[in-house]
Amino acid sequence: QGEEGKTQLQAMLGNLDIVNTLQEVDTTIGTADECSMKIEDW
């Protein structure tokens, strides 16, 4: 579970570097928050 969560967080970092629109920022940040909550729970 930890390795999968770490991989998702690393992917979120990459996605945050390439967002261009407000919608992309909003969607990516929302997904990143969910991943962060899972890792904090883990």
PDB file of all heavy atoms in Angstrom:
ATOM      1  N   GLN A   1       0.825  -1.205   0.000  1.00  0.00           N
ATOM      2  CA  GLN A   1       0.000   0.000   0.000  1.00  0.00           C
ATOM      3  C   GLN A   1       0.868   1.268   0.000  1.00  0.00           C
ATOM      4  O   GLN A   1       0.572   2.242  -0.716  1.00  0.00           O
ATOM      5  CB  GLN A   1      -0.915   0.014   1.228  1.00  0.00           C
ATOM      6  CG  GLN A   1      -1.956  -1.089   1.247  1.00  0.00           C
ATOM      7  CD  GLN A   1      -2.790  -1.060   2.504  1.00  0.00           C
ATOM      8  OE1 GLN A   1      -2.919  -0.022   3.162  1.00  0.00           O
ATOM      9  NE2 GLN A   1      -3.383  -2.214   2.856  1.00  0.00           N
ATOM     10  N   GLY A   2       1.924   1.259   0.776  1.00  0.00           N
ATOM     11  CA  GLY A   2       2.802   2.425   0.839  1.00  0.00           C
ATOM     12  C   GLY A   2       3.517   2.694  -0.465  1.00  0.00           C
ATOM     13  O   GLY A   2       3.660   3.852  -0.890  1.00  0.00           O
ATOM     14  N   GLU A   3       3.986   1.610  -1.105  1.00  0.00           N
ATOM     15  CA  GLU A   3       4.681   1.789  -2.386  1.00  0.00           C
ATOM     16  C   GLU A   3       3.730   2.326  -3.451  1.00  0.00           C
ATOM     17  O   GLU A   3       4.098   3.188  -4.272  1.00  0.00           O
ATOM     18  CB  GLU A   3       5.289   0.462  -2.824  1.00  0.00           C
ATOM     19  CG  GLU A   3       6.468   0.020  -1.959  1.00  0.00           C
ATOM     20  CD  GLU A   3       6.982  -1.351  -2.356  1.00  0.00           C
ATOM     21  OE1 GLU A   3       6.264  -2.054  -3.096  1.00  0.00           O
ATOM     22  OE2 GLU A   3       8.091  -1.716  -1.911  1.00  0.00           O
ATOM     23  N   GLU A   4       2.491   1.812  -3.461  1.00  0.00           N
ATOM     24  CA  GLU A   4       1.508   2.309  -4.433  1.00  0.00           C
ATOM     25  C   GLU A   4       1.188   3.780  -4.171  1.00  0.00           C
ATOM     26  O   GLU A   4       1.090   4.599  -5.110  1.00  0.00           O
ATOM     27  CB  GLU A   4       0.231   1.468  -4.347  1.00  0.00           C
ATOM     28  CG  GLU A   4       0.407   0.039  -4.835  1.00  0.00           C
ATOM     29  CD  GLU A   4      -0.853  -0.790  -4.642  1.00  0.00           C
ATOM     30  OE1 GLU A   4      -1.792  -0.286  -3.967  1.00  0.00           O
ATOM     31  OE2 GLU A   4      -0.902  -1.926  -5.155  1.00  0.00           O
ATOM     32  N   GLY A   5       1.032   4.164  -2.895  1.00  0.00           N
ATOM     33  CA  GLY A   5       0.739   5.560  -2.561  1.00  0.00           C
ATOM     34  C   GLY A   5       1.890   6.479  -2.937  1.00  0.00           C
ATOM     35  O   GLY A   5       1.679   7.596  -3.441  1.00  0.00           O
ATOM     36  N   LYS A   6       3.114   6.024  -2.711  1.00  0.00           N
ATOM     37  CA  LYS A   6       4.287   6.817  -3.062  1.00  0.00           C
ATOM     38  C   LYS A   6       4.340   7.050  -4.569  1.00  0.00           C
ATOM     39  O   LYS A   6       4.640   8.171  -5.041  1.00  0.00           O
ATOM     40  CB  LYS A   6       5.541   6.099  -2.594  1.00  0.00           C
ATOM     41  CG  LYS A   6       6.831   6.781  -3.003  1.00  0.00           C
ATOM     42  CD  LYS A   6       8.041   5.940  -2.605  1.00  0.00           C
ATOM     43  CE  LYS A   6       9.316   6.545  -3.164  1.00  0.00           C
ATOM     44  NZ  LYS A   6      10.505   5.721  -2.842  1.00  0.00           N
ATOM     45  N   THR A   7       4.045   5.989  -5.350  1.00  0.00           N
ATOM     46  CA  THR A   7       4.047   6.115  -6.813  1.00  0.00           C
ATOM     47  C   THR A   7       2.998   7.135  -7.273  1.00  0.00           C
ATOM     48  O   THR A   7       3.240   7.959  -8.178  1.00  0.00           O
ATOM     49  CB  THR A   7       3.769   4.753  -7.460  1.00  0.00           C
ATOM     50  OG1 THR A   7       4.785   3.831  -7.049  1.00  0.00           O
ATOM     51  CG2 THR A   7       3.760   4.854  -8.980  1.00  0.00           C
ATOM     52  N   GLN A   8       1.822   7.098  -6.643  1.00  0.00           N
ATOM     53  CA  GLN A   8       0.761   8.055  -7.015  1.00  0.00           C
ATOM     54  C   GLN A   8       1.161   9.495  -6.683  1.00  0.00           C
ATOM     55  O   GLN A   8       0.905  10.418  -7.458  1.00  0.00           O
ATOM     56  CB  GLN A   8      -0.532   7.679  -6.285  1.00  0.00           C
ATOM     57  CG  GLN A   8      -1.164   6.385  -6.769  1.00  0.00           C
ATOM     58  CD  GLN A   8      -2.397   6.001  -5.960  1.00  0.00           C
ATOM     59  OE1 GLN A   8      -2.757   6.688  -5.013  1.00  0.00           O
ATOM     60  NE2 GLN A   8      -3.042   4.896  -6.355  1.00  0.00           N
ATOM     61  N   LEU A   9       1.804   9.677  -5.522  1.00  0.00           N
ATOM     62  CA  LEU A   9       2.244  11.029  -5.152  1.00  0.00           C
ATOM     63  C   LEU A   9       3.301  11.548  -6.128  1.00  0.00           C
ATOM     64  O   LEU A   9       3.295  12.737  -6.504  1.00  0.00           O
ATOM     65  CB  LEU A   9       2.801  11.021  -3.726  1.00  0.00           C
ATOM     66  CG  LEU A   9       1.766  10.861  -2.603  1.00  0.00           C
ATOM     67  CD1 LEU A   9       2.476  10.764  -1.253  1.00  0.00           C
ATOM     68  CD2 LEU A   9       0.782  12.036  -2.587  1.00  0.00           C
ATOM     69  N   GLN A  10       4.208  10.681  -6.544  1.00  0.00           N
ATOM     70  CA  GLN A  10       5.219  11.100  -7.514  1.00  0.00           C
ATOM     71  C   GLN A  10       4.565  11.480  -8.846  1.00  0.00           C
ATOM     72  O   GLN A  10       4.998  12.441  -9.510  1.00  0.00           O
ATOM     73  CB  GLN A  10       6.236   9.968  -7.714  1.00  0.00           C
ATOM     74  CG  GLN A  10       7.136   9.730  -6.505  1.00  0.00           C
ATOM     75  CD  GLN A  10       8.032   8.510  -6.672  1.00  0.00           C
ATOM     76  OE1 GLN A  10       7.710   7.601  -7.433  1.00  0.00           O
ATOM     77  NE2 GLN A  10       9.145   8.497  -5.951  1.00  0.00           N
ATOM     78  N   ALA A  11       3.517  10.750  -9.205  1.00  0.00           N
ATOM     79  CA  ALA A  11       2.807  11.083 -10.445  1.00  0.00           C
ATOM     80  C   ALA A  11       2.097  12.431 -10.316  1.00  0.00           C
ATOM     81  O   ALA A  11       2.057  13.225 -11.281  1.00  0.00           O
ATOM     82  CB  ALA A  11       1.793   9.975 -10.764  1.00  0.00           C
ATOM     83  N   MET A  12       1.586  12.716  -9.125  1.00  0.00           N
ATOM     84  CA  MET A  12       0.921  13.999  -8.905  1.00  0.00           C
ATOM     85  C   MET A  12       1.905  15.155  -9.054  1.00  0.00           C
ATOM     86  O   MET A  12       1.553  16.224  -9.586  1.00  0.00           O
ATOM     87  CB  MET A  12       0.291  14.030  -7.513  1.00  0.00           C
ATOM     88  CG  MET A  12      -0.929  13.152  -7.335  1.00  0.00           C
ATOM     89  SD  MET A  12      -2.316  13.571  -8.422  1.00  0.00           S
ATOM     90  CE  MET A  12      -2.115  12.313  -9.703  1.00  0.00           C
ATOM     91  N   LEU A  13       3.125  14.937  -8.563  1.00  0.00           N
ATOM     92  CA  LEU A  13       4.150  15.980  -8.735  1.00  0.00           C
ATOM     93  C   LEU A  13       4.373  16.281 -10.214  1.00  0.00           C
ATOM     94  O   LEU A  13       4.477  17.442 -10.626  1.00  0.00           O
ATOM     95  CB  LEU A  13       5.466  15.540  -8.069  1.00  0.00           C
ATOM     96  CG  LEU A  13       5.546  15.627  -6.545  1.00  0.00           C
ATOM     97  CD1 LEU A  13       6.907  15.104  -6.067  1.00  0.00           C
ATOM     98  CD2 LEU A  13       5.351  17.067  -6.069  1.00  0.00           C
ATOM     99  N   GLY A  14       4.449  15.247 -11.016  1.00  0.00           N
ATOM    100  CA  GLY A  14       4.654  15.446 -12.450  1.00  0.00           C
ATOM    101  C   GLY A  14       3.468  16.131 -13.101  1.00  0.00           C
ATOM    102  O   GLY A  14       3.643  17.006 -13.976  1.00  0.00           O
ATOM    103  N   ASN A  15       2.242  15.783 -12.683  1.00  0.00           N
ATOM    104  CA  ASN A  15       1.051  16.398 -13.269  1.00  0.00           C
ATOM    105  C   ASN A  15       0.950  17.878 -12.908  1.00  0.00           C
ATOM    106  O   ASN A  15       0.487  18.702 -13.713  1.00  0.00           O
ATOM    107  CB  ASN A  15      -0.209  15.669 -12.784  1.00  0.00           C
ATOM    108  CG  ASN A  15      -0.315  14.258 -13.341  1.00  0.00           C
ATOM    109  OD1 ASN A  15       0.286  13.970 -14.380  1.00  0.00           O
ATOM    110  ND2 ASN A  15      -1.059  13.384 -12.674  1.00  0.00           N
ATOM    111  N   LEU A  16       1.357  18.209 -11.667  1.00  0.00           N
ATOM    112  CA  LEU A  16       1.298  19.610 -11.250  1.00  0.00           C
ATOM    113  C   LEU A  16       2.264  20.484 -12.059  1.00  0.00           C
ATOM    114  O   LEU A  16       2.058  21.701 -12.194  1.00  0.00           O
ATOM    115  CB  LEU A  16       1.606  19.741  -9.746  1.00  0.00           C
ATOM    116  CG  LEU A  16       0.507  19.203  -8.807  1.00  0.00           C
ATOM    117  CD1 LEU A  16       1.010  19.174  -7.370  1.00  0.00           C
ATOM    118  CD2 LEU A  16      -0.746  20.086  -8.918  1.00  0.00           C
ATOM    119  N   ASP A  17       3.294  19.873 -12.596  1.00  0.00           N
ATOM    120  CA  ASP A  17       4.267  20.648 -13.387  1.00  0.00           C
ATOM    121  C   ASP A  17       3.742  20.990 -14.787  1.00  0.00           C
ATOM    122  O   ASP A  17       4.279  21.889 -15.447  1.00  0.00           O
ATOM    123  CB  ASP A  17       5.582  19.859 -13.517  1.00  0.00           C
ATOM    124  CG  ASP A  17       6.351  19.820 -12.205  1.00  0.00           C
ATOM    125  OD1 ASP A  17       6.143  20.729 -11.373  1.00  0.00           O
ATOM    126  OD2 ASP A  17       7.163  18.876 -12.010  1.00  0.00           O
ATOM    127  N   ILE A  18       2.710  20.260 -15.245  1.00  0.00           N
ATOM    128  CA  ILE A  18       2.286  20.454 -16.644  1.00  0.00           C
ATOM    129  C   ILE A  18       0.866  21.025 -16.765  1.00  0.00           C
ATOM    130  O   ILE A  18       0.313  21.101 -17.876  1.00  0.00           O
ATOM    131  CB  ILE A  18       2.357  19.126 -17.416  1.00  0.00           C
ATOM    132  CG1 ILE A  18       1.445  18.078 -16.751  1.00  0.00           C
ATOM    133  CG2 ILE A  18       3.789  18.605 -17.494  1.00  0.00           C
ATOM    134  CD1 ILE A  18       1.367  16.776 -17.526  1.00  0.00           C
ATOM    135  N   VAL A  19       0.241  21.375 -15.631  1.00  0.00           N
ATOM    136  CA  VAL A  19      -1.116  21.939 -15.730  1.00  0.00           C
ATOM    137  C   VAL A  19      -1.062  23.345 -16.370  1.00  0.00           C
ATOM    138  O   VAL A  19      -0.139  24.108 -16.108  1.00  0.00           O
ATOM    139  CB  VAL A  19      -1.777  22.009 -14.336  1.00  0.00           C
ATOM    140  CG1 VAL A  19      -2.030  20.614 -13.805  1.00  0.00           C
ATOM    141  CG2 VAL A  19      -0.923  22.796 -13.362  1.00  0.00           C
ATOM    142  N   ASN A  20      -2.099  23.656 -17.228  1.00  0.00           N
ATOM    143  CA  ASN A  20      -2.124  24.942 -17.929  1.00  0.00           C
ATOM    144  C   ASN A  20      -3.408  25.730 -17.705  1.00  0.00           C
ATOM    145  O   ASN A  20      -3.425  26.959 -17.834  1.00  0.00           O
ATOM    146  CB  ASN A  20      -1.947  24.718 -19.447  1.00  0.00           C
ATOM    147  CG  ASN A  20      -0.570  24.152 -19.767  1.00  0.00           C
ATOM    148  OD1 ASN A  20       0.418  24.634 -19.207  1.00  0.00           O
ATOM    149  ND2 ASN A  20      -0.508  23.165 -20.654  1.00  0.00           N
ATOM    150  N   THR A  21      -4.463  25.024 -17.349  1.00  0.00           N
ATOM    151  CA  THR A  21      -5.742  25.709 -17.203  1.00  0.00           C
ATOM    152  C   THR A  21      -6.234  25.588 -15.762  1.00  0.00           C
ATOM    153  O   THR A  21      -5.742  24.771 -14.979  1.00  0.00           O
ATOM    154  CB  THR A  21      -6.792  25.082 -18.132  1.00  0.00           C
ATOM    155  OG1 THR A  21      -7.038  23.733 -17.713  1.00  0.00           O
ATOM    156  CG2 THR A  21      -6.309  25.077 -19.574  1.00  0.00           C
ATOM    157  N   LEU A  22      -7.221  26.409 -15.440  1.00  0.00           N
ATOM    158  CA  LEU A  22      -7.795  26.401 -14.097  1.00  0.00           C
ATOM    159  C   LEU A  22      -8.450  25.059 -13.794  1.00  0.00           C
ATOM    160  O   LEU A  22      -8.334  24.532 -12.686  1.00  0.00           O
ATOM    161  CB  LEU A  22      -8.833  27.522 -13.976  1.00  0.00           C
ATOM    162  CG  LEU A  22      -9.558  27.628 -12.622  1.00  0.00           C
ATOM    163  CD1 LEU A  22      -8.560  27.891 -11.496  1.00  0.00           C
ATOM    164  CD2 LEU A  22     -10.617  28.730 -12.669  1.00  0.00           C
ATOM    165  N   GLN A  23      -9.127  24.516 -14.811  1.00  0.00           N
ATOM    166  CA  GLN A  23      -9.789  23.222 -14.612  1.00  0.00           C
ATOM    167  C   GLN A  23      -8.774  22.123 -14.333  1.00  0.00           C
ATOM    168  O   GLN A  23      -8.985  21.268 -13.472  1.00  0.00           O
ATOM    169  CB  GLN A  23     -10.632  22.882 -15.844  1.00  0.00           C
ATOM    170  CG  GLN A  23     -11.419  21.579 -15.685  1.00  0.00           C
ATOM    171  CD  GLN A  23     -12.288  21.280 -16.888  1.00  0.00           C
ATOM    172  OE1 GLN A  23     -12.316  22.066 -17.848  1.00  0.00           O
ATOM    173  NE2 GLN A  23     -12.995  20.155 -16.849  1.00  0.00           N
ATOM    174  N   GLU A  24      -7.661  22.142 -15.094  1.00  0.00           N
ATOM    175  CA  GLU A  24      -6.623  21.128 -14.873  1.00  0.00           C
ATOM    176  C   GLU A  24      -6.025  21.251 -13.475  1.00  0.00           C
ATOM    177  O   GLU A  24      -5.758  20.254 -12.789  1.00  0.00           O
ATOM    178  CB  GLU A  24      -5.532  21.267 -15.938  1.00  0.00           C
ATOM    179  CG  GLU A  24      -5.982  20.849 -17.323  1.00  0.00           C
ATOM    180  CD  GLU A  24      -4.882  21.065 -18.351  1.00  0.00           C
ATOM    181  OE1 GLU A  24      -3.870  21.733 -18.003  1.00  0.00           O
ATOM    182  OE2 GLU A  24      -5.013  20.560 -19.484  1.00  0.00           O
ATOM    183  N   VAL A  25      -5.821  22.546 -13.054  1.00  0.00           N
ATOM    184  CA  VAL A  25      -5.253  22.761 -11.712  1.00  0.00           C
ATOM    185  C   VAL A  25      -6.208  22.233 -10.654  1.00  0.00           C
ATOM    186  O   VAL A  25      -5.817  21.544  -9.710  1.00  0.00           O
ATOM    187  CB  VAL A  25      -4.968  24.261 -11.490  1.00  0.00           C
ATOM    188  CG1 VAL A  25      -4.608  24.505 -10.027  1.00  0.00           C
ATOM    189  CG2 VAL A  25      -3.848  24.743 -12.392  1.00  0.00           C
ATOM    190  N   ASP A  26      -7.497  22.559 -10.839  1.00  0.00           N
ATOM    191  CA  ASP A  26      -8.490  22.140  -9.847  1.00  0.00           C
ATOM    192  C   ASP A  26      -8.592  20.613  -9.770  1.00  0.00           C
ATOM    193  O   ASP A  26      -8.622  20.020  -8.686  1.00  0.00           O
ATOM    194  CB  ASP A  26      -9.849  22.731 -10.207  1.00  0.00           C
ATOM    195  CG  ASP A  26     -10.888  22.414  -9.133  1.00  0.00           C
ATOM    196  OD1 ASP A  26     -10.687  22.814  -7.962  1.00  0.00           O
ATOM    197  OD2 ASP A  26     -11.893  21.748  -9.463  1.00  0.00           O
ATOM    198  N   THR A  27      -8.619  19.968 -10.927  1.00  0.00           N
ATOM    199  CA  THR A  27      -8.734  18.499 -10.964  1.00  0.00           C
ATOM    200  C   THR A  27      -7.500  17.831 -10.374  1.00  0.00           C
ATOM    201  O   THR A  27      -7.593  16.883  -9.582  1.00  0.00           O
ATOM    202  CB  THR A  27      -8.938  18.026 -12.405  1.00  0.00           C
ATOM    203  OG1 THR A  27     -10.124  18.636 -12.945  1.00  0.00           O
ATOM    204  CG2 THR A  27      -9.072  16.514 -12.473  1.00  0.00           C
ATOM    205  N   THR A  28      -6.329  18.334 -10.775  1.00  0.00           N
ATOM    206  CA  THR A  28      -5.089  17.709 -10.297  1.00  0.00           C
ATOM    207  C   THR A  28      -4.922  17.887  -8.794  1.00  0.00           C
ATOM    208  O   THR A  28      -4.506  16.957  -8.084  1.00  0.00           O
ATOM    209  CB  THR A  28      -3.882  18.331 -11.029  1.00  0.00           C
ATOM    210  OG1 THR A  28      -4.042  18.174 -12.447  1.00  0.00           O
ATOM    211  CG2 THR A  28      -2.591  17.648 -10.598  1.00  0.00           C
ATOM    212  N   ILE A  29      -5.231  19.095  -8.292  1.00  0.00           N
ATOM    213  CA  ILE A  29      -5.104  19.336  -6.845  1.00  0.00           C
ATOM    214  C   ILE A  29      -6.084  18.452  -6.065  1.00  0.00           C
ATOM    215  O   ILE A  29      -5.759  17.911  -5.011  1.00  0.00           O
ATOM    216  CB  ILE A  29      -5.328  20.822  -6.529  1.00  0.00           C
ATOM    217  CG1 ILE A  29      -4.141  21.653  -7.038  1.00  0.00           C
ATOM    218  CG2 ILE A  29      -5.495  21.025  -5.026  1.00  0.00           C
ATOM    219  CD1 ILE A  29      -4.293  23.148  -6.825  1.00  0.00           C
ATOM    220  N   GLY A  30      -7.292  18.276  -6.602  1.00  0.00           N
ATOM    221  CA  GLY A  30      -8.273  17.409  -5.932  1.00  0.00           C
ATOM    222  C   GLY A  30      -7.785  15.968  -5.843  1.00  0.00           C
ATOM    223  O   GLY A  30      -7.896  15.307  -4.796  1.00  0.00           O
ATOM    224  N   THR A  31      -7.227  15.492  -6.965  1.00  0.00           N
ATOM    225  CA  THR A  31      -6.695  14.116  -6.966  1.00  0.00           C
ATOM    226  C   THR A  31      -5.507  13.987  -6.014  1.00  0.00           C
ATOM    227  O   THR A  31      -5.356  12.993  -5.298  1.00  0.00           O
ATOM    228  CB  THR A  31      -6.265  13.725  -8.381  1.00  0.00           C
ATOM    229  OG1 THR A  31      -7.377  13.879  -9.282  1.00  0.00           O
ATOM    230  CG2 THR A  31      -5.785  12.294  -8.432  1.00  0.00           C
ATOM    231  N   ALA A  32      -4.659  15.027  -5.994  1.00  0.00           N
ATOM    232  CA  ALA A  32      -3.492  15.003  -5.114  1.00  0.00           C
ATOM    233  C   ALA A  32      -3.905  14.993  -3.646  1.00  0.00           C
ATOM    234  O   ALA A  32      -3.293  14.326  -2.805  1.00  0.00           O
ATOM    235  CB  ALA A  32      -2.591  16.199  -5.404  1.00  0.00           C
ATOM    236  N   ASP A  33      -4.977  15.738  -3.331  1.00  0.00           N
ATOM    237  CA  ASP A  33      -5.469  15.745  -1.945  1.00  0.00           C
ATOM    238  C   ASP A  33      -5.949  14.361  -1.517  1.00  0.00           C
ATOM    239  O   ASP A  33      -5.706  13.921  -0.386  1.00  0.00           O
ATOM    240  CB  ASP A  33      -6.601  16.758  -1.804  1.00  0.00           C
ATOM    241  CG  ASP A  33      -6.108  18.201  -1.825  1.00  0.00           C
ATOM    242  OD1 ASP A  33      -4.889  18.394  -1.583  1.00  0.00           O
ATOM    243  OD2 ASP A  33      -6.923  19.115  -2.075  1.00  0.00           O
ATOM    244  N   GLU A  34      -6.634  13.666  -2.429  1.00  0.00           N
ATOM    245  CA  GLU A  34      -7.102  12.313  -2.099  1.00  0.00           C
ATOM    246  C   GLU A  34      -5.919  11.361  -1.850  1.00  0.00           C
ATOM    247  O   GLU A  34      -5.937  10.573  -0.899  1.00  0.00           O
ATOM    248  CB  GLU A  34      -7.957  11.774  -3.247  1.00  0.00           C
ATOM    249  CG  GLU A  34      -9.289  12.483  -3.408  1.00  0.00           C
ATOM    250  CD  GLU A  34     -10.090  11.925  -4.562  1.00  0.00           C
ATOM    251  OE1 GLU A  34      -9.620  10.941  -5.188  1.00  0.00           O
ATOM    252  OE2 GLU A  34     -11.191  12.442  -4.843  1.00  0.00           O
ATOM    253  N   CYS A  35      -4.902  11.476  -2.717  1.00  0.00           N
ATOM    254  CA  CYS A  35      -3.712  10.634  -2.536  1.00  0.00           C
ATOM    255  C   CYS A  35      -3.014  10.965  -1.222  1.00  0.00           C
ATOM    256  O   CYS A  35      -2.552  10.073  -0.502  1.00  0.00           O
ATOM    257  CB  CYS A  35      -2.755  10.816  -3.713  1.00  0.00           C
ATOM    258  SG  CYS A  35      -3.356  10.149  -5.269  1.00  0.00           S
ATOM    259  N   SER A  36      -2.937  12.236  -0.901  1.00  0.00           N
ATOM    260  CA  SER A  36      -2.270  12.658   0.336  1.00  0.00           C
ATOM    261  C   SER A  36      -3.017  12.130   1.558  1.00  0.00           C
ATOM    262  O   SER A  36      -2.391  11.681   2.540  1.00  0.00           O
ATOM    263  CB  SER A  36      -2.187  14.180   0.391  1.00  0.00           C
ATOM    264  OG  SER A  36      -1.408  14.685  -0.673  1.00  0.00           O
ATOM    265  N   MET A  37      -4.354  12.178   1.511  1.00  0.00           N
ATOM    266  CA  MET A  37      -5.138  11.679   2.641  1.00  0.00           C
ATOM    267  C   MET A  37      -4.935  10.170   2.826  1.00  0.00           C
ATOM    268  O   MET A  37      -4.824   9.673   3.964  1.00  0.00           O
ATOM    269  CB  MET A  37      -6.626  11.975   2.414  1.00  0.00           C
ATOM    270  CG  MET A  37      -6.987  13.467   2.514  1.00  0.00           C
ATOM    271  SD  MET A  37      -8.743  13.782   2.173  1.00  0.00           S
ATOM    272  CE  MET A  37      -9.487  12.867   3.515  1.00  0.00           C
ATOM    273  N   LYS A  38      -4.871   9.449   1.704  1.00  0.00           N
ATOM    274  CA  LYS A  38      -4.634   8.003   1.805  1.00  0.00           C
ATOM    275  C   LYS A  38      -3.270   7.714   2.430  1.00  0.00           C
ATOM    276  O   LYS A  38      -3.135   6.828   3.266  1.00  0.00           O
ATOM    277  CB  LYS A  38      -4.720   7.359   0.421  1.00  0.00           C
ATOM    278  CG  LYS A  38      -6.132   7.312  -0.151  1.00  0.00           C
ATOM    279  CD  LYS A  38      -6.131   6.618  -1.512  1.00  0.00           C
ATOM    280  CE  LYS A  38      -7.542   6.562  -2.080  1.00  0.00           C
ATOM    281  NZ  LYS A  38      -7.565   5.909  -3.415  1.00  0.00           N
ATOM    282  N   ILE A  39      -2.258   8.477   2.006  1.00  0.00           N
ATOM    283  CA  ILE A  39      -0.916   8.246   2.540  1.00  0.00           C
ATOM    284  C   ILE A  39      -0.855   8.631   4.016  1.00  0.00           C
ATOM    285  O   ILE A  39      -0.209   7.935   4.830  1.00  0.00           O
ATOM    286  CB  ILE A  39       0.128   9.044   1.725  1.00  0.00           C
ATOM    287  CG1 ILE A  39       0.293   8.428   0.337  1.00  0.00           C
ATOM    288  CG2 ILE A  39       1.473   9.048   2.432  1.00  0.00           C
ATOM    289  CD1 ILE A  39       0.782   6.992   0.356  1.00  0.00           C
ATOM    290  N   GLU A  40      -1.524   9.709   4.388  1.00  0.00           N
ATOM    291  CA  GLU A  40      -1.534  10.104   5.803  1.00  0.00           C
ATOM    292  C   GLU A  40      -2.226   9.037   6.657  1.00  0.00           C
ATOM    293  O   GLU A  40      -1.777   8.720   7.773  1.00  0.00           O
ATOM    294  CB  GLU A  40      -2.234  11.457   5.961  1.00  0.00           C
ATOM    295  CG  GLU A  40      -1.412  12.627   5.425  1.00  0.00           C
ATOM    296  CD  GLU A  40      -2.179  13.940   5.468  1.00  0.00           C
ATOM    297  OE1 GLU A  40      -3.374  13.897   5.855  1.00  0.00           O
ATOM    298  OE2 GLU A  40      -1.595  14.976   5.131  1.00  0.00           O
ATOM    299  N   ASP A  41      -3.311   8.483   6.105  1.00  0.00           N
ATOM    300  CA  ASP A  41      -4.000   7.409   6.809  1.00  0.00           C
ATOM    301  C   ASP A  41      -3.097   6.171   6.912  1.00  0.00           C
ATOM    302  O   ASP A  41      -3.055   5.492   7.945  1.00  0.00           O
ATOM    303  CB  ASP A  41      -5.289   7.046   6.068  1.00  0.00           C
ATOM    304  CG  ASP A  41      -6.075   5.959   6.771  1.00  0.00           C
ATOM    305  OD1 ASP A  41      -6.493   6.169   7.922  1.00  0.00           O
ATOM    306  OD2 ASP A  41      -6.270   4.891   6.164  1.00  0.00           O
ATOM    307  N   TRP A  42      -2.368   5.882   5.850  1.00  0.00           N
ATOM    308  CA  TRP A  42      -1.430   4.749   5.846  1.00  0.00           C
ATOM    309  C   TRP A  42      -0.324   4.951   6.878  1.00  0.00           C
ATOM    310  O   TRP A  42       0.029   4.014   7.611  1.00  0.00           O
ATOM    311  CB  TRP A  42      -0.849   4.600   4.437  1.00  0.00           C
ATOM    312  CG  TRP A  42       0.216   3.558   4.318  1.00  0.00           C
ATOM    313  CD1 TRP A  42       0.040   2.221   4.162  1.00  0.00           C
ATOM    314  CD2 TRP A  42       1.633   3.782   4.331  1.00  0.00           C
ATOM    315  NE1 TRP A  42       1.249   1.581   4.081  1.00  0.00           N
ATOM    316  CE2 TRP A  42       2.253   2.520   4.171  1.00  0.00           C
ATOM    317  CE3 TRP A  42       2.432   4.920   4.430  1.00  0.00           C
ATOM    318  CZ2 TRP A  42       3.638   2.360   4.139  1.00  0.00           C
ATOM    319  CZ3 TRP A  42       3.809   4.764   4.392  1.00  0.00           C
ATOM    320  CH2 TRP A  42       4.403   3.507   4.258  1.00  0.00           C
TER     321      TRP A  42
END
